[in-house]
């Protein structure tokens, strides 16, 4: 249930009548502000950091695999060229 400003004001007035203005203000200060659901928690940050870490690891792994394949192909090409030159001479 979303609490809007009108509901908060009504609660404050009711508390003020029952408990007095100072107690009502103190109690209202203890309640989270409107839009509290938009605040990021430590758990949210930890989950995002873990997601980013896994994404980075995956990208690095893919890049290393591509680089390795490129290097192996280059080495075979150089070896082939060296064998052709050796046979020609």
PDB file of N, CA and C in Angstrom:
ATOM      1  N   UNK A   1       0.835  -1.173   0.000  1.00  0.00           N
ATOM      2  CA  UNK A   1       0.000   0.000   0.000  1.00  0.00           C
ATOM      3  C   UNK A   1       0.883   1.240   0.000  1.00  0.00           C
ATOM      4  N   UNK A   2       0.708   2.078  -0.986  1.00  0.00           N
ATOM      5  CA  UNK A   2       1.486   3.309  -1.083  1.00  0.00           C
ATOM      6  C   UNK A   2       0.882   4.367  -0.158  1.00  0.00           C
ATOM      7  N   UNK A   3       1.753   5.034   0.542  1.00  0.00           N
ATOM      8  CA  UNK A   3       1.301   6.092   1.451  1.00  0.00           C
ATOM      9  C   UNK A   3       1.617   7.427   0.805  1.00  0.00           C
ATOM     10  N   UNK A   4       0.579   8.218   0.576  1.00  0.00           N
ATOM     11  CA  UNK A   4       0.791   9.523  -0.037  1.00  0.00           C
ATOM     12  C   UNK A   4       0.895  10.591   1.060  1.00  0.00           C
ATOM     13  N   UNK A   5       1.136  11.807   0.628  1.00  0.00           N
ATOM     14  CA  UNK A   5       1.334  12.906   1.583  1.00  0.00           C
ATOM     15  C   UNK A   5       0.068  13.185   2.390  1.00  0.00           C
ATOM     16  N   UNK A   6      -1.085  13.019   1.778  1.00  0.00           N
ATOM     17  CA  UNK A   6      -2.354  13.237   2.491  1.00  0.00           C
ATOM     18  C   UNK A   6      -2.493  12.247   3.651  1.00  0.00           C
ATOM     19  N   UNK A   7      -2.157  10.987   3.405  1.00  0.00           N
ATOM     20  CA  UNK A   7      -2.236   9.962   4.457  1.00  0.00           C
ATOM     21  C   UNK A   7      -1.250  10.258   5.579  1.00  0.00           C
ATOM     22  N   UNK A   8      -0.069  10.692   5.217  1.00  0.00           N
ATOM     23  CA  UNK A   8       0.945  11.036   6.235  1.00  0.00           C
ATOM     24  C   UNK A   8       0.467  12.206   7.097  1.00  0.00           C
ATOM     25  N   UNK A   9      -0.133  13.202   6.454  1.00  0.00           N
ATOM     26  CA  UNK A   9      -0.625  14.365   7.192  1.00  0.00           C
ATOM     27  C   UNK A   9      -1.765  13.966   8.132  1.00  0.00           C
ATOM     28  N   UNK A  10      -2.654  13.097   7.643  1.00  0.00           N
ATOM     29  CA  UNK A  10      -3.760  12.632   8.476  1.00  0.00           C
ATOM     30  C   UNK A  10      -3.224  11.861   9.684  1.00  0.00           C
ATOM     31  N   UNK A  11      -2.235  11.017   9.468  1.00  0.00           N
ATOM     32  CA  UNK A  11      -1.609  10.279  10.563  1.00  0.00           C
ATOM     33  C   UNK A  11      -0.984  11.236  11.569  1.00  0.00           C
ATOM     34  N   UNK A  12      -0.288  12.249  11.071  1.00  0.00           N
ATOM     35  CA  UNK A  12       0.339  13.219  11.965  1.00  0.00           C
ATOM     36  C   UNK A  12      -0.700  13.928  12.825  1.00  0.00           C
ATOM     37  N   UNK A  13      -1.801  14.350  12.204  1.00  0.00           N
ATOM     38  CA  UNK A  13      -2.852  15.049  12.959  1.00  0.00           C
ATOM     39  C   UNK A  13      -3.466  14.132  14.021  1.00  0.00           C
ATOM     40  N   UNK A  14      -3.677  12.884  13.688  1.00  0.00           N
ATOM     41  CA  UNK A  14      -4.239  11.928  14.650  1.00  0.00           C
ATOM     42  C   UNK A  14      -3.275  11.714  15.803  1.00  0.00           C
ATOM     43  N   UNK A  15      -2.000  11.529  15.496  1.00  0.00           N
ATOM     44  CA  UNK A  15      -0.988  11.366  16.546  1.00  0.00           C
ATOM     45  C   UNK A  15      -0.897  12.612  17.415  1.00  0.00           C
ATOM     46  N   UNK A  16      -0.977  13.757  16.778  1.00  0.00           N
ATOM     47  CA  UNK A  16      -0.903  15.024  17.502  1.00  0.00           C
ATOM     48  C   UNK A  16      -2.053  15.139  18.507  1.00  0.00           C
ATOM     49  N   UNK A  17      -3.252  14.725  18.090  1.00  0.00           N
ATOM     50  CA  UNK A  17      -4.412  14.777  19.000  1.00  0.00           C
ATOM     51  C   UNK A  17      -4.252  13.796  20.157  1.00  0.00           C
ATOM     52  N   UNK A  18      -3.754  12.606  19.880  1.00  0.00           N
ATOM     53  CA  UNK A  18      -3.675  11.550  20.897  1.00  0.00           C
ATOM     54  C   UNK A  18      -2.459  11.669  21.805  1.00  0.00           C
ATOM     55  N   UNK A  19      -1.313  12.079  21.223  1.00  0.00           N
ATOM     56  CA  UNK A  19      -0.058  12.026  21.973  1.00  0.00           C
ATOM     57  C   UNK A  19       0.568  13.388  22.228  1.00  0.00           C
ATOM     58  N   UNK A  20       0.119  14.404  21.520  1.00  0.00           N
ATOM     59  CA  UNK A  20       0.722  15.716  21.646  1.00  0.00           C
ATOM     60  C   UNK A  20       1.639  15.998  20.469  1.00  0.00           C
ATOM     61  N   UNK A  21       1.916  17.311  20.231  1.00  0.00           N
ATOM     62  CA  UNK A  21       2.680  17.687  19.040  1.00  0.00           C
ATOM     63  C   UNK A  21       4.123  17.175  19.032  1.00  0.00           C
ATOM     64  N   UNK A  22       4.798  17.191  20.172  1.00  0.00           N
ATOM     65  CA  UNK A  22       6.204  16.773  20.190  1.00  0.00           C
ATOM     66  C   UNK A  22       6.339  15.275  19.923  1.00  0.00           C
ATOM     67  N   UNK A  23       5.488  14.479  20.560  1.00  0.00           N
ATOM     68  CA  UNK A  23       5.520  13.032  20.339  1.00  0.00           C
ATOM     69  C   UNK A  23       5.143  12.703  18.889  1.00  0.00           C
ATOM     70  N   UNK A  24       4.184  13.426  18.317  1.00  0.00           N
ATOM     71  CA  UNK A  24       3.777  13.194  16.930  1.00  0.00           C
ATOM     72  C   UNK A  24       4.926  13.496  15.978  1.00  0.00           C
ATOM     73  N   UNK A  25       5.647  14.620  16.218  1.00  0.00           N
ATOM     74  CA  UNK A  25       6.788  14.971  15.363  1.00  0.00           C
ATOM     75  C   UNK A  25       7.893  13.921  15.467  1.00  0.00           C
ATOM     76  N   UNK A  26       8.164  13.476  16.684  1.00  0.00           N
ATOM     77  CA  UNK A  26       9.202  12.464  16.891  1.00  0.00           C
ATOM     78  C   UNK A  26       8.850  11.173  16.170  1.00  0.00           C
ATOM     79  N   UNK A  27       7.614  10.743  16.300  1.00  0.00           N
ATOM     80  CA  UNK A  27       7.191   9.508  15.651  1.00  0.00           C
ATOM     81  C   UNK A  27       7.221   9.636  14.132  1.00  0.00           C
ATOM     82  N   UNK A  28       6.823  10.773  13.603  1.00  0.00           N
ATOM     83  CA  UNK A  28       6.824  10.972  12.150  1.00  0.00           C
ATOM     84  C   UNK A  28       8.249  10.999  11.602  1.00  0.00           C
ATOM     85  N   UNK A  29       9.202  11.489  12.408  1.00  0.00           N
ATOM     86  CA  UNK A  29      10.599  11.505  11.959  1.00  0.00           C
ATOM     87  C   UNK A  29      11.165  10.092  11.828  1.00  0.00           C
ATOM     88  N   UNK A  30      10.589   9.150  12.587  1.00  0.00           N
ATOM     89  CA  UNK A  30      11.062   7.775  12.541  1.00  0.00           C
ATOM     90  C   UNK A  30      10.542   7.017  11.322  1.00  0.00           C
ATOM     91  N   UNK A  31       9.492   7.536  10.689  1.00  0.00           N
ATOM     92  CA  UNK A  31       8.946   6.886   9.500  1.00  0.00           C
ATOM     93  C   UNK A  31       9.798   7.216   8.281  1.00  0.00           C
ATOM     94  N   UNK A  32       9.935   6.265   7.376  1.00  0.00           N
ATOM     95  CA  UNK A  32      10.703   6.553   6.155  1.00  0.00           C
ATOM     96  C   UNK A  32       9.967   7.578   5.297  1.00  0.00           C
ATOM     97  N   UNK A  33      10.691   8.375   4.547  1.00  0.00           N
ATOM     98  CA  UNK A  33      10.055   9.387   3.701  1.00  0.00           C
ATOM     99  C   UNK A  33       9.319   8.745   2.530  1.00  0.00           C
ATOM    100  N   UNK A  34       8.478   9.530   1.901  1.00  0.00           N
ATOM    101  CA  UNK A  34       7.763   9.054   0.721  1.00  0.00           C
ATOM    102  C   UNK A  34       8.776   8.745  -0.367  1.00  0.00           C
ATOM    103  N   UNK A  35       8.564   7.680  -1.115  1.00  0.00           N
ATOM    104  CA  UNK A  35       9.507   7.277  -2.149  1.00  0.00           C
ATOM    105  C   UNK A  35      10.650   6.446  -1.612  1.00  0.00           C
ATOM    106  N   UNK A  36      10.521   5.929  -0.400  1.00  0.00           N
ATOM    107  CA  UNK A  36      11.572   5.147   0.237  1.00  0.00           C
ATOM    108  C   UNK A  36      11.920   3.905  -0.583  1.00  0.00           C
ATOM    109  N   UNK A  37      10.959   3.412  -1.338  1.00  0.00           N
ATOM    110  CA  UNK A  37      11.203   2.236  -2.160  1.00  0.00           C
ATOM    111  C   UNK A  37      12.213   2.479  -3.261  1.00  0.00           C
ATOM    112  N   UNK A  38      12.514   3.738  -3.570  1.00  0.00           N
ATOM    113  CA  UNK A  38      13.476   4.059  -4.622  1.00  0.00           C
ATOM    114  C   UNK A  38      14.915   4.099  -4.123  1.00  0.00           C
ATOM    115  N   UNK A  39      15.100   3.940  -2.814  1.00  0.00           N
ATOM    116  CA  UNK A  39      16.440   4.012  -2.229  1.00  0.00           C
ATOM    117  C   UNK A  39      17.161   2.683  -2.453  1.00  0.00           C
ATOM    118  N   UNK A  40      18.409   2.759  -2.831  1.00  0.00           N
ATOM    119  CA  UNK A  40      19.227   1.573  -3.072  1.00  0.00           C
ATOM    120  C   UNK A  40      19.773   1.054  -1.747  1.00  0.00           C
ATOM    121  N   UNK A  41      19.704  -0.262  -1.566  1.00  0.00           N
ATOM    122  CA  UNK A  41      20.229  -0.870  -0.346  1.00  0.00           C
ATOM    123  C   UNK A  41      21.614  -1.469  -0.610  1.00  0.00           C
ATOM    124  N   UNK A  42      22.283  -1.833   0.461  1.00  0.00           N
ATOM    125  CA  UNK A  42      23.597  -2.475   0.323  1.00  0.00           C
ATOM    126  C   UNK A  42      23.458  -3.787  -0.444  1.00  0.00           C
ATOM    127  N   UNK A  43      22.360  -4.492  -0.212  1.00  0.00           N
ATOM    128  CA  UNK A  43      22.121  -5.745  -0.930  1.00  0.00           C
ATOM    129  C   UNK A  43      22.004  -5.480  -2.433  1.00  0.00           C
ATOM    130  N   UNK A  44      21.286  -4.419  -2.803  1.00  0.00           N
ATOM    131  CA  UNK A  44      21.159  -4.060  -4.221  1.00  0.00           C
ATOM    132  C   UNK A  44      22.525  -3.777  -4.833  1.00  0.00           C
ATOM    133  N   UNK A  45      23.343  -3.019  -4.104  1.00  0.00           N
ATOM    134  CA  UNK A  45      24.684  -2.691  -4.605  1.00  0.00           C
ATOM    135  C   UNK A  45      25.553  -3.934  -4.735  1.00  0.00           C
ATOM    136  N   UNK A  46      25.484  -4.822  -3.737  1.00  0.00           N
ATOM    137  CA  UNK A  46      26.267  -6.060  -3.794  1.00  0.00           C
ATOM    138  C   UNK A  46      25.870  -6.908  -4.986  1.00  0.00           C
ATOM    139  N   UNK A  47      24.563  -7.003  -5.233  1.00  0.00           N
ATOM    140  CA  UNK A  47      24.084  -7.795  -6.367  1.00  0.00           C
ATOM    141  C   UNK A  47      24.552  -7.179  -7.683  1.00  0.00           C
ATOM    142  N   UNK A  48      24.525  -5.862  -7.786  1.00  0.00           N
ATOM    143  CA  UNK A  48      24.957  -5.191  -9.026  1.00  0.00           C
ATOM    144  C   UNK A  48      26.462  -5.359  -9.238  1.00  0.00           C
ATOM    145  N   UNK A  49      27.240  -5.249  -8.170  1.00  0.00           N
ATOM    146  CA  UNK A  49      28.695  -5.438  -8.270  1.00  0.00           C
ATOM    147  C   UNK A  49      29.000  -6.863  -8.727  1.00  0.00           C
ATOM    148  N   UNK A  50      28.292  -7.851  -8.173  1.00  0.00           N
ATOM    149  CA  UNK A  50      28.507  -9.242  -8.572  1.00  0.00           C
ATOM    150  C   UNK A  50      28.146  -9.443 -10.041  1.00  0.00           C
ATOM    151  N   UNK A  51      27.043  -8.843 -10.468  1.00  0.00           N
ATOM    152  CA  UNK A  51      26.635  -8.943 -11.874  1.00  0.00           C
ATOM    153  C   UNK A  51      27.704  -8.328 -12.790  1.00  0.00           C
ATOM    154  N   UNK A  52      28.210  -7.169 -12.425  1.00  0.00           N
ATOM    155  CA  UNK A  52      29.248  -6.513 -13.228  1.00  0.00           C
ATOM    156  C   UNK A  52      30.530  -7.335 -13.259  1.00  0.00           C
ATOM    157  N   UNK A  53      30.878  -7.932 -12.110  1.00  0.00           N
ATOM    158  CA  UNK A  53      32.092  -8.763 -12.044  1.00  0.00           C
ATOM    159  C   UNK A  53      31.960  -9.964 -12.972  1.00  0.00           C
ATOM    160  N   UNK A  54      30.811 -10.628 -12.922  1.00  0.00           N
ATOM    161  CA  UNK A  54      30.600 -11.790 -13.790  1.00  0.00           C
ATOM    162  C   UNK A  54      30.598 -11.399 -15.261  1.00  0.00           C
ATOM    163  N   UNK A  55      29.999 -10.262 -15.573  1.00  0.00           N
ATOM    164  CA  UNK A  55      29.986  -9.783 -16.964  1.00  0.00           C
ATOM    165  C   UNK A  55      31.396  -9.483 -17.446  1.00  0.00           C
ATOM    166  N   UNK A  56      32.190  -8.849 -16.596  1.00  0.00           N
ATOM    167  CA  UNK A  56      33.569  -8.531 -16.960  1.00  0.00           C
ATOM    168  C   UNK A  56      34.389  -9.800 -17.152  1.00  0.00           C
ATOM    169  N   UNK A  57      34.222 -10.773 -16.259  1.00  0.00           N
ATOM    170  CA  UNK A  57      34.940 -12.038 -16.408  1.00  0.00           C
ATOM    171  C   UNK A  57      34.578 -12.716 -17.722  1.00  0.00           C
ATOM    172  N   UNK A  58      33.302 -12.705 -18.075  1.00  0.00           N
ATOM    173  CA  UNK A  58      32.860 -13.324 -19.319  1.00  0.00           C
ATOM    174  C   UNK A  58      33.473 -12.622 -20.530  1.00  0.00           C
ATOM    175  N   UNK A  59      33.486 -11.286 -20.505  1.00  0.00           N
ATOM    176  CA  UNK A  59      34.074 -10.534 -21.626  1.00  0.00           C
ATOM    177  C   UNK A  59      35.567 -10.804 -21.749  1.00  0.00           C
ATOM    178  N   UNK A  60      36.264 -10.862 -20.620  1.00  0.00           N
ATOM    179  CA  UNK A  60      37.706 -11.138 -20.641  1.00  0.00           C
ATOM    180  C   UNK A  60      37.954 -12.544 -21.184  1.00  0.00           C
ATOM    181  N   UNK A  61      37.152 -13.508 -20.716  1.00  0.00           N
ATOM    182  CA  UNK A  61      37.320 -14.886 -21.186  1.00  0.00           C
ATOM    183  C   UNK A  61      37.102 -14.983 -22.694  1.00  0.00           C
ATOM    184  N   UNK A  62      36.067 -14.337 -23.210  1.00  0.00           N
ATOM    185  CA  UNK A  62      35.811 -14.356 -24.652  1.00  0.00           C
ATOM    186  C   UNK A  62      36.938 -13.690 -25.426  1.00  0.00           C
ATOM    187  N   UNK A  63      37.439 -12.573 -24.908  1.00  0.00           N
ATOM    188  CA  UNK A  63      38.532 -11.865 -25.584  1.00  0.00           C
ATOM    189  C   UNK A  63      39.797 -12.710 -25.604  1.00  0.00           C
ATOM    190  N   UNK A  64      40.105 -13.364 -24.498  1.00  0.00           N
ATOM    191  CA  UNK A  64      41.297 -14.216 -24.455  1.00  0.00           C
ATOM    192  C   UNK A  64      41.159 -15.407 -25.393  1.00  0.00           C
ATOM    193  N   UNK A  65      39.966 -15.977 -25.466  1.00  0.00           N
ATOM    194  CA  UNK A  65      39.747 -17.103 -26.380  1.00  0.00           C
ATOM    195  C   UNK A  65      39.960 -16.647 -27.822  1.00  0.00           C
ATOM    196  N   UNK A  66      39.415 -15.486 -28.188  1.00  0.00           N
ATOM    197  CA  UNK A  66      39.572 -14.965 -29.552  1.00  0.00           C
ATOM    198  C   UNK A  66      41.038 -14.660 -29.839  1.00  0.00           C
ATOM    199  N   UNK A  67      41.723 -14.059 -28.878  1.00  0.00           N
ATOM    200  CA  UNK A  67      43.138 -13.743 -29.058  1.00  0.00           C
ATOM    201  C   UNK A  67      43.967 -15.020 -29.226  1.00  0.00           C
ATOM    202  N   UNK A  68      43.671 -16.029 -28.436  1.00  0.00           N
ATOM    203  CA  UNK A  68      44.398 -17.301 -28.541  1.00  0.00           C
ATOM    204  C   UNK A  68      44.197 -17.922 -29.916  1.00  0.00           C
ATOM    205  N   UNK A  69      42.954 -17.930 -30.385  1.00  0.00           N
ATOM    206  CA  UNK A  69      42.682 -18.501 -31.706  1.00  0.00           C
ATOM    207  C   UNK A  69      43.416 -17.712 -32.804  1.00  0.00           C
ATOM    208  N   UNK A  70      43.460 -16.403 -32.678  1.00  0.00           N
ATOM    209  CA  UNK A  70      44.153 -15.564 -33.645  1.00  0.00           C
ATOM    210  C   UNK A  70      45.650 -15.877 -33.634  1.00  0.00           C
ATOM    211  N   UNK A  71      46.214 -15.995 -32.430  1.00  0.00           N
ATOM    212  CA  UNK A  71      47.642 -16.290 -32.324  1.00  0.00           C
ATOM    213  C   UNK A  71      47.979 -17.660 -32.890  1.00  0.00           C
ATOM    214  N   UNK A  72      47.162 -18.663 -32.606  1.00  0.00           N
ATOM    215  CA  UNK A  72      47.411 -20.005 -33.137  1.00  0.00           C
ATOM    216  C   UNK A  72      47.348 -19.978 -34.657  1.00  0.00           C
ATOM    217  N   UNK A  73      46.344 -19.309 -35.209  1.00  0.00           N
ATOM    218  CA  UNK A  73      46.242 -19.196 -36.670  1.00  0.00           C
ATOM    219  C   UNK A  73      47.433 -18.495 -37.270  1.00  0.00           C
ATOM    220  N   UNK A  74      47.893 -17.447 -36.628  1.00  0.00           N
ATOM    221  CA  UNK A  74      49.062 -16.706 -37.111  1.00  0.00           C
ATOM    222  C   UNK A  74      50.310 -17.577 -37.054  1.00  0.00           C
ATOM    223  N   UNK A  75      50.458 -18.332 -35.973  1.00  0.00           N
ATOM    224  CA  UNK A  75      51.626 -19.204 -35.848  1.00  0.00           C
ATOM    225  C   UNK A  75      51.625 -20.277 -36.943  1.00  0.00           C
ATOM    226  N   UNK A  76      50.467 -20.861 -37.246  1.00  0.00           N
ATOM    227  CA  UNK A  76      50.410 -21.848 -38.332  1.00  0.00           C
ATOM    228  C   UNK A  76      50.732 -21.214 -39.680  1.00  0.00           C
ATOM    229  N   UNK A  77      50.245 -20.010 -39.889  1.00  0.00           N
ATOM    230  CA  UNK A  77      50.532 -19.324 -41.156  1.00  0.00           C
ATOM    231  C   UNK A  77      52.031 -19.062 -41.282  1.00  0.00           C
ATOM    232  N   UNK A  78      52.659 -18.607 -40.229  1.00  0.00           N
ATOM    233  CA  UNK A  78      54.105 -18.330 -40.251  1.00  0.00           C
ATOM    234  C   UNK A  78      54.881 -19.633 -40.455  1.00  0.00           C
ATOM    235  N   UNK A  79      54.447 -20.700 -39.772  1.00  0.00           N
ATOM    236  CA  UNK A  79      55.129 -21.987 -39.930  1.00  0.00           C
ATOM    237  C   UNK A  79      54.995 -22.494 -41.366  1.00  0.00           C
ATOM    238  N   UNK A  80      53.826 -22.320 -41.951  1.00  0.00           N
ATOM    239  CA  UNK A  80      53.616 -22.747 -43.339  1.00  0.00           C
ATOM    240  C   UNK A  80      54.505 -21.957 -44.288  1.00  0.00           C
ATOM    241  N   UNK A  81      54.568 -20.647 -44.087  1.00  0.00           N
ATOM    242  CA  UNK A  81      55.412 -19.807 -44.922  1.00  0.00           C
ATOM    243  C   UNK A  81      56.876 -20.214 -44.767  1.00  0.00           C
ATOM    244  N   UNK A  82      57.297 -20.504 -43.540  1.00  0.00           N
ATOM    245  CA  UNK A  82      58.684 -20.911 -43.313  1.00  0.00           C
ATOM    246  C   UNK A  82      58.989 -22.231 -44.005  1.00  0.00           C
ATOM    247  N   UNK A  83      58.060 -23.189 -43.990  1.00  0.00           N
ATOM    248  CA  UNK A  83      58.271 -24.461 -44.672  1.00  0.00           C
ATOM    249  C   UNK A  83      58.345 -24.280 -46.190  1.00  0.00           C
ATOM    250  N   UNK A  84      57.495 -23.422 -46.718  1.00  0.00           N
ATOM    251  CA  UNK A  84      57.522 -23.164 -48.171  1.00  0.00           C
ATOM    252  C   UNK A  84      58.856 -22.534 -48.549  1.00  0.00           C
ATOM    253  N   UNK A  85      59.309 -21.580 -47.781  1.00  0.00           N
ATOM    254  CA  UNK A  85      60.600 -20.915 -48.074  1.00  0.00           C
ATOM    255  C   UNK A  85      61.735 -21.937 -47.955  1.00  0.00           C
ATOM    256  N   UNK A  86      61.666 -22.811 -46.970  1.00  0.00           N
ATOM    257  CA  UNK A  86      62.728 -23.813 -46.778  1.00  0.00           C
ATOM    258  C   UNK A  86      62.770 -24.782 -47.968  1.00  0.00           C
ATOM    259  N   UNK A  87      61.625 -25.137 -48.518  1.00  0.00           N
ATOM    260  CA  UNK A  87      61.603 -26.073 -49.631  1.00  0.00           C
ATOM    261  C   UNK A  87      62.067 -25.405 -50.914  1.00  0.00           C
ATOM    262  N   UNK A  88      61.776 -24.122 -51.072  1.00  0.00           N
ATOM    263  CA  UNK A  88      62.150 -23.399 -52.265  1.00  0.00           C
ATOM    264  C   UNK A  88      63.664 -23.208 -52.321  1.00  0.00           C
ATOM    265  N   UNK A  89      64.272 -23.019 -51.206  1.00  0.00           N
ATOM    266  CA  UNK A  89      65.721 -22.736 -51.219  1.00  0.00           C
ATOM    267  C   UNK A  89      66.573 -23.951 -51.147  1.00  0.00           C
TER     268      UNK A  89
END
